[in-house]
Each structure stands twice: as C-alpha cells, then as structure tokens.
Amino acid sequence: MTNLDSNVTNSITLCYAGIPICAYSFPEEDPGLNLYSPFRHHVDYRLARLFNRAKTLQRNIEQFLQEGILQGLNPVHHVQFRSAYTMYKLVDAATNEPQWQSSVVDYPLLNRV
C-alpha cells in the first residue's frame, strides 16, 4: 500500500468517525417505561419505601391508609395499595431478581481432542 492509498483510507475513515450507525434511545427516554414498576406511580413507590425503611408496623400502615391522609392531601391521586399486605406484595415483586438460566453451547466445528 502506498502512502497515497493510506491517506485516502484514513480520510474516508475520519469522515464517518463519530456518526452513529443507527439511533439509540435510552430506556429512560421511553415514555411507556415505568421505572417504579410494579408500582404504578412514583408516589406509591416512595410511600412504600418510606414505610419499609422506617420498619413501620403493619397495623400503623393500615391505620395510615384507613385514615385517608393522602387522599386529603391530593384528591386526584389514589394510592395503589390499600393495606400493608398488598404494599409488601408489591415490595416483594419489586425486589425479585430474574432467575439465571444456563445451557450448553455446542460448537460443531470445534476440534475435540
């Protein structure tokens, strides 16, 4: 390869450097993605996180939900859970990690000794 051929190749490579092959959207940019799943709304997630971190007794959570304090503060938002039991079911669902799966891959062209 001559020096001239090398310069042509380098200039062609530099012309396309930094240009994305296709558009990439980050998952956070998807309006349909719920980052707080299985909770429907960030308020529900934050309330459950508060109760969980504070190790609030279930009877106190029940009392809080029955008194409708949140409904009085924001009549538009309805909390997803109505009891401590259903709240903790959502917390458990949020913390479940997917199970690892494994399998054997066979390479038929691999020489076996």
N, C-alpha and C. Protein backbone atom coordinates (compact mmCIF):
# COMPACT_ATOMS: atom_id res chain seq x y z
N MET A 1 0.86 -1.16 0.00
CA MET A 1 0.00 0.00 0.00
C MET A 1 0.91 1.22 0.00
N THR A 2 0.60 2.15 -0.84
CA THR A 2 1.43 3.35 -0.93
C THR A 2 0.97 4.37 0.09
N ASN A 3 1.77 5.38 0.26
CA ASN A 3 1.46 6.45 1.19
C ASN A 3 0.17 7.17 0.78
N LEU A 4 -0.06 7.31 -0.54
CA LEU A 4 -1.26 7.97 -1.05
C LEU A 4 -2.49 7.15 -0.71
N ASP A 5 -2.42 5.81 -0.89
CA ASP A 5 -3.54 4.93 -0.54
C ASP A 5 -3.85 5.00 0.95
N SER A 6 -2.83 5.07 1.75
CA SER A 6 -3.00 5.17 3.19
C SER A 6 -3.72 6.46 3.58
N ASN A 7 -3.37 7.56 2.95
CA ASN A 7 -4.02 8.84 3.24
C ASN A 7 -5.48 8.83 2.83
N VAL A 8 -5.80 8.20 1.69
CA VAL A 8 -7.19 8.12 1.23
C VAL A 8 -8.00 7.29 2.23
N THR A 9 -7.47 6.15 2.67
CA THR A 9 -8.17 5.30 3.63
C THR A 9 -8.40 6.05 4.94
N ASN A 10 -7.41 6.74 5.43
CA ASN A 10 -7.55 7.48 6.68
C ASN A 10 -8.58 8.59 6.55
N SER A 11 -8.61 9.29 5.43
CA SER A 11 -9.58 10.38 5.28
C SER A 11 -10.99 9.84 5.18
N ILE A 12 -11.17 8.68 4.54
CA ILE A 12 -12.50 8.07 4.47
C ILE A 12 -12.94 7.65 5.86
N THR A 13 -12.07 7.05 6.63
CA THR A 13 -12.40 6.62 7.99
C THR A 13 -12.75 7.82 8.86
N LEU A 14 -12.00 8.89 8.73
CA LEU A 14 -12.26 10.07 9.55
C LEU A 14 -13.57 10.74 9.19
N CYS A 15 -14.01 10.63 7.95
CA CYS A 15 -15.28 11.25 7.54
C CYS A 15 -16.46 10.65 8.30
N TYR A 16 -16.38 9.36 8.58
CA TYR A 16 -17.50 8.68 9.23
C TYR A 16 -17.31 8.48 10.73
N ALA A 17 -16.22 8.92 11.25
CA ALA A 17 -15.95 8.75 12.67
C ALA A 17 -16.94 9.57 13.49
N GLY A 18 -17.54 8.96 14.47
CA GLY A 18 -18.46 9.66 15.37
C GLY A 18 -19.90 9.71 14.89
N ILE A 19 -20.17 9.24 13.68
CA ILE A 19 -21.54 9.23 13.16
C ILE A 19 -22.19 7.92 13.61
N PRO A 20 -23.32 7.98 14.33
CA PRO A 20 -23.95 6.75 14.80
C PRO A 20 -24.49 5.93 13.63
N ILE A 21 -24.40 4.64 13.76
CA ILE A 21 -24.92 3.74 12.73
C ILE A 21 -26.44 3.79 12.72
N CYS A 22 -27.03 3.81 13.88
CA CYS A 22 -28.48 3.93 13.99
C CYS A 22 -28.79 4.69 15.26
N ALA A 23 -30.00 5.21 15.32
CA ALA A 23 -30.41 5.97 16.50
C ALA A 23 -30.57 5.02 17.68
N TYR A 24 -30.08 5.41 18.83
CA TYR A 24 -30.20 4.61 20.04
C TYR A 24 -30.99 5.41 21.06
N SER A 25 -32.02 4.81 21.57
CA SER A 25 -32.77 5.50 22.61
C SER A 25 -32.51 4.80 23.93
N PHE A 26 -32.27 5.59 24.94
CA PHE A 26 -32.05 5.04 26.27
C PHE A 26 -33.39 4.61 26.84
N PRO A 27 -33.42 3.53 27.62
CA PRO A 27 -34.69 3.06 28.18
C PRO A 27 -35.42 4.14 28.97
N GLU A 28 -34.67 5.02 29.62
CA GLU A 28 -35.29 6.07 30.43
C GLU A 28 -36.06 7.08 29.56
N GLU A 29 -35.73 7.15 28.27
CA GLU A 29 -36.39 8.09 27.37
C GLU A 29 -37.70 7.55 26.82
N ASP A 30 -37.97 6.28 27.04
CA ASP A 30 -39.20 5.67 26.55
C ASP A 30 -40.35 6.10 27.45
N PRO A 31 -41.34 6.83 26.91
CA PRO A 31 -42.44 7.29 27.77
C PRO A 31 -43.29 6.15 28.34
N GLY A 32 -43.23 4.98 27.72
CA GLY A 32 -44.00 3.84 28.21
C GLY A 32 -43.31 3.06 29.31
N LEU A 33 -42.04 3.38 29.59
CA LEU A 33 -41.29 2.65 30.61
C LEU A 33 -41.62 3.17 32.00
N ASN A 34 -41.95 2.28 32.89
CA ASN A 34 -42.23 2.65 34.27
C ASN A 34 -41.04 2.25 35.13
N LEU A 35 -40.25 3.23 35.53
CA LEU A 35 -39.06 2.95 36.34
C LEU A 35 -39.42 2.47 37.75
N TYR A 36 -40.66 2.65 38.16
CA TYR A 36 -41.07 2.30 39.52
C TYR A 36 -41.88 1.00 39.55
N SER A 37 -41.88 0.26 38.47
CA SER A 37 -42.63 -0.98 38.39
C SER A 37 -42.20 -1.92 39.51
N PRO A 38 -43.09 -2.61 40.13
CA PRO A 38 -44.50 -2.83 39.85
C PRO A 38 -45.43 -1.75 40.40
N PHE A 39 -44.88 -0.71 40.96
CA PHE A 39 -45.72 0.40 41.42
C PHE A 39 -46.14 1.22 40.21
N ARG A 40 -47.38 1.70 40.23
CA ARG A 40 -47.89 2.47 39.09
C ARG A 40 -47.36 3.89 39.06
N HIS A 41 -47.02 4.44 40.20
CA HIS A 41 -46.67 5.85 40.29
C HIS A 41 -45.51 6.03 41.26
N HIS A 42 -44.72 7.05 41.04
CA HIS A 42 -43.57 7.27 41.92
C HIS A 42 -44.00 7.60 43.34
N VAL A 43 -45.17 8.17 43.53
CA VAL A 43 -45.66 8.47 44.89
C VAL A 43 -45.90 7.17 45.66
N ASP A 44 -46.49 6.19 45.00
CA ASP A 44 -46.73 4.89 45.65
C ASP A 44 -45.40 4.23 46.02
N TYR A 45 -44.44 4.29 45.10
CA TYR A 45 -43.12 3.71 45.36
C TYR A 45 -42.46 4.39 46.56
N ARG A 46 -42.48 5.70 46.59
CA ARG A 46 -41.81 6.44 47.66
C ARG A 46 -42.49 6.21 49.01
N LEU A 47 -43.81 6.11 49.00
CA LEU A 47 -44.52 5.84 50.25
C LEU A 47 -44.16 4.45 50.78
N ALA A 48 -44.15 3.46 49.90
CA ALA A 48 -43.78 2.10 50.32
C ALA A 48 -42.34 2.06 50.79
N ARG A 49 -41.46 2.78 50.10
CA ARG A 49 -40.06 2.83 50.51
C ARG A 49 -39.93 3.46 51.90
N LEU A 50 -40.69 4.51 52.16
CA LEU A 50 -40.66 5.17 53.47
C LEU A 50 -41.10 4.20 54.57
N PHE A 51 -42.23 3.53 54.36
CA PHE A 51 -42.72 2.58 55.35
C PHE A 51 -41.72 1.44 55.57
N ASN A 52 -41.14 0.95 54.47
CA ASN A 52 -40.22 -0.17 54.55
C ASN A 52 -38.93 0.21 55.26
N ARG A 53 -38.36 1.35 54.90
CA ARG A 53 -37.10 1.79 55.52
C ARG A 53 -37.29 2.12 57.00
N ALA A 54 -38.44 2.67 57.34
CA ALA A 54 -38.70 3.04 58.73
C ALA A 54 -39.15 1.84 59.57
N LYS A 55 -39.29 0.69 58.89
CA LYS A 55 -39.74 -0.53 59.57
C LYS A 55 -41.06 -0.28 60.33
N THR A 56 -41.96 0.40 59.64
CA THR A 56 -43.26 0.73 60.20
C THR A 56 -44.07 -0.54 60.42
N LEU A 57 -44.69 -0.63 61.57
CA LEU A 57 -45.52 -1.79 61.88
C LEU A 57 -46.71 -1.85 60.92
N GLN A 58 -47.13 -3.07 60.60
CA GLN A 58 -48.23 -3.24 59.65
C GLN A 58 -49.51 -2.58 60.14
N ARG A 59 -49.77 -2.67 61.43
CA ARG A 59 -51.01 -2.05 61.96
C ARG A 59 -50.96 -0.53 61.81
N ASN A 60 -49.75 0.06 61.90
CA ASN A 60 -49.63 1.51 61.71
C ASN A 60 -49.82 1.88 60.24
N ILE A 61 -49.33 1.04 59.34
CA ILE A 61 -49.56 1.28 57.91
C ILE A 61 -51.04 1.19 57.60
N GLU A 62 -51.68 0.18 58.16
CA GLU A 62 -53.13 0.02 57.97
C GLU A 62 -53.89 1.24 58.46
N GLN A 63 -53.54 1.72 59.62
CA GLN A 63 -54.20 2.89 60.19
C GLN A 63 -53.98 4.12 59.30
N PHE A 64 -52.75 4.32 58.84
CA PHE A 64 -52.45 5.44 57.97
C PHE A 64 -53.29 5.41 56.70
N LEU A 65 -53.38 4.22 56.10
CA LEU A 65 -54.14 4.09 54.85
C LEU A 65 -55.64 4.25 55.09
N GLN A 66 -56.15 3.76 56.22
CA GLN A 66 -57.58 3.86 56.51
C GLN A 66 -58.01 5.29 56.81
N GLU A 67 -57.11 6.08 57.38
CA GLU A 67 -57.46 7.46 57.71
C GLU A 67 -57.54 8.35 56.48
N GLY A 68 -57.01 7.92 55.36
CA GLY A 68 -57.12 8.66 54.12
C GLY A 68 -56.37 9.98 54.12
N ILE A 69 -55.26 10.04 54.80
CA ILE A 69 -54.48 11.28 54.88
C ILE A 69 -54.00 11.70 53.50
N LEU A 70 -53.51 10.75 52.73
CA LEU A 70 -53.03 11.08 51.38
C LEU A 70 -54.15 11.57 50.48
N GLN A 71 -55.31 10.99 50.63
CA GLN A 71 -56.46 11.42 49.82
C GLN A 71 -56.83 12.87 50.14
N GLY A 72 -56.67 13.25 51.38
CA GLY A 72 -56.93 14.64 51.76
C GLY A 72 -55.89 15.60 51.20
N LEU A 73 -54.64 15.15 51.11
CA LEU A 73 -53.58 16.00 50.57
C LEU A 73 -53.66 16.12 49.05
N ASN A 74 -53.97 15.02 48.39
CA ASN A 74 -54.04 15.02 46.94
C ASN A 74 -55.24 14.19 46.50
N PRO A 75 -56.38 14.81 46.31
CA PRO A 75 -57.60 14.06 45.98
C PRO A 75 -57.55 13.38 44.60
N VAL A 76 -56.63 13.80 43.76
CA VAL A 76 -56.54 13.23 42.41
C VAL A 76 -55.83 11.88 42.42
N HIS A 77 -54.80 11.75 43.25
CA HIS A 77 -54.00 10.52 43.27
C HIS A 77 -54.60 9.50 44.23
N HIS A 78 -54.80 8.30 43.74
CA HIS A 78 -55.28 7.20 44.57
C HIS A 78 -54.13 6.22 44.74
N VAL A 79 -53.76 5.96 45.98
CA VAL A 79 -52.65 5.06 46.27
C VAL A 79 -53.00 3.67 45.77
N GLN A 80 -52.03 3.02 45.17
CA GLN A 80 -52.23 1.72 44.54
C GLN A 80 -52.57 0.63 45.55
N PHE A 81 -52.00 0.69 46.74
CA PHE A 81 -52.23 -0.36 47.72
C PHE A 81 -53.16 0.15 48.81
N ARG A 82 -53.98 -0.75 49.31
CA ARG A 82 -54.98 -0.38 50.32
C ARG A 82 -54.70 -1.02 51.68
N SER A 83 -53.64 -1.84 51.74
CA SER A 83 -53.29 -2.49 53.00
C SER A 83 -51.79 -2.72 53.03
N ALA A 84 -51.29 -3.01 54.22
CA ALA A 84 -49.87 -3.31 54.38
C ALA A 84 -49.52 -4.59 53.63
N TYR A 85 -50.46 -5.53 53.64
CA TYR A 85 -50.22 -6.80 52.94
C TYR A 85 -49.99 -6.57 51.44
N THR A 86 -50.87 -5.81 50.80
CA THR A 86 -50.72 -5.57 49.36
C THR A 86 -49.49 -4.70 49.07
N MET A 87 -49.15 -3.80 49.98
CA MET A 87 -47.95 -2.99 49.80
C MET A 87 -46.71 -3.88 49.83
N TYR A 88 -46.64 -4.79 50.79
CA TYR A 88 -45.48 -5.66 50.89
C TYR A 88 -45.42 -6.67 49.75
N LYS A 89 -46.55 -7.05 49.18
CA LYS A 89 -46.54 -7.90 47.99
C LYS A 89 -45.89 -7.15 46.83
N LEU A 90 -46.17 -5.85 46.69
CA LEU A 90 -45.54 -5.04 45.64
C LEU A 90 -44.05 -4.86 45.90
N VAL A 91 -43.70 -4.65 47.16
CA VAL A 91 -42.28 -4.52 47.51
C VAL A 91 -41.53 -5.80 47.17
N ASP A 92 -42.13 -6.95 47.50
CA ASP A 92 -41.51 -8.23 47.17
C ASP A 92 -41.37 -8.41 45.66
N ALA A 93 -42.40 -8.00 44.92
CA ALA A 93 -42.34 -8.12 43.45
C ALA A 93 -41.26 -7.22 42.88
N ALA A 94 -41.05 -6.06 43.50
CA ALA A 94 -40.03 -5.12 43.00
C ALA A 94 -38.63 -5.62 43.27
N THR A 95 -38.45 -6.41 44.31
CA THR A 95 -37.11 -6.87 44.67
C THR A 95 -36.78 -8.24 44.10
N ASN A 96 -37.73 -8.88 43.45
CA ASN A 96 -37.45 -10.19 42.84
C ASN A 96 -36.52 -10.00 41.66
N GLU A 97 -35.43 -10.72 41.70
CA GLU A 97 -34.49 -10.68 40.59
C GLU A 97 -34.80 -11.83 39.65
N PRO A 98 -34.58 -11.61 38.36
CA PRO A 98 -34.84 -12.71 37.43
C PRO A 98 -33.89 -13.87 37.70
N GLN A 99 -34.36 -15.07 37.46
CA GLN A 99 -33.54 -16.24 37.69
C GLN A 99 -32.53 -16.39 36.57
N TRP A 100 -31.34 -16.80 36.93
CA TRP A 100 -30.30 -17.05 35.92
C TRP A 100 -30.62 -18.35 35.21
N GLN A 101 -30.40 -18.33 33.93
CA GLN A 101 -30.58 -19.54 33.14
C GLN A 101 -29.27 -19.86 32.44
N SER A 102 -28.99 -21.12 32.30
CA SER A 102 -27.76 -21.51 31.61
C SER A 102 -28.06 -22.69 30.71
N SER A 103 -27.22 -22.86 29.71
CA SER A 103 -27.33 -24.01 28.83
C SER A 103 -25.96 -24.26 28.20
N VAL A 104 -25.83 -25.37 27.57
CA VAL A 104 -24.58 -25.75 26.93
C VAL A 104 -24.65 -25.34 25.47
N VAL A 105 -23.59 -24.71 25.01
CA VAL A 105 -23.50 -24.31 23.61
C VAL A 105 -22.58 -25.29 22.91
N ASP A 106 -23.06 -25.85 21.84
CA ASP A 106 -22.27 -26.83 21.09
C ASP A 106 -21.70 -26.16 19.85
N TYR A 107 -20.37 -26.23 19.70
CA TYR A 107 -19.68 -25.71 18.52
C TYR A 107 -19.31 -26.90 17.65
N PRO A 108 -20.07 -27.17 16.61
CA PRO A 108 -19.80 -28.38 15.81
C PRO A 108 -18.48 -28.32 15.06
N LEU A 109 -17.94 -27.16 14.80
CA LEU A 109 -16.68 -27.07 14.06
C LEU A 109 -15.47 -27.12 14.96
N LEU A 110 -15.68 -27.16 16.25
CA LEU A 110 -14.58 -27.20 17.21
C LEU A 110 -13.93 -28.58 17.21
N ASN A 111 -12.62 -28.62 17.00
CA ASN A 111 -11.91 -29.90 17.02
C ASN A 111 -11.79 -30.38 18.45
N ARG A 112 -12.28 -31.55 18.72
CA ARG A 112 -12.20 -32.11 20.05
C ARG A 112 -11.02 -33.07 20.10
N VAL A 113 -10.24 -32.92 21.12
CA VAL A 113 -9.05 -33.74 21.25
C VAL A 113 -9.27 -34.84 22.25
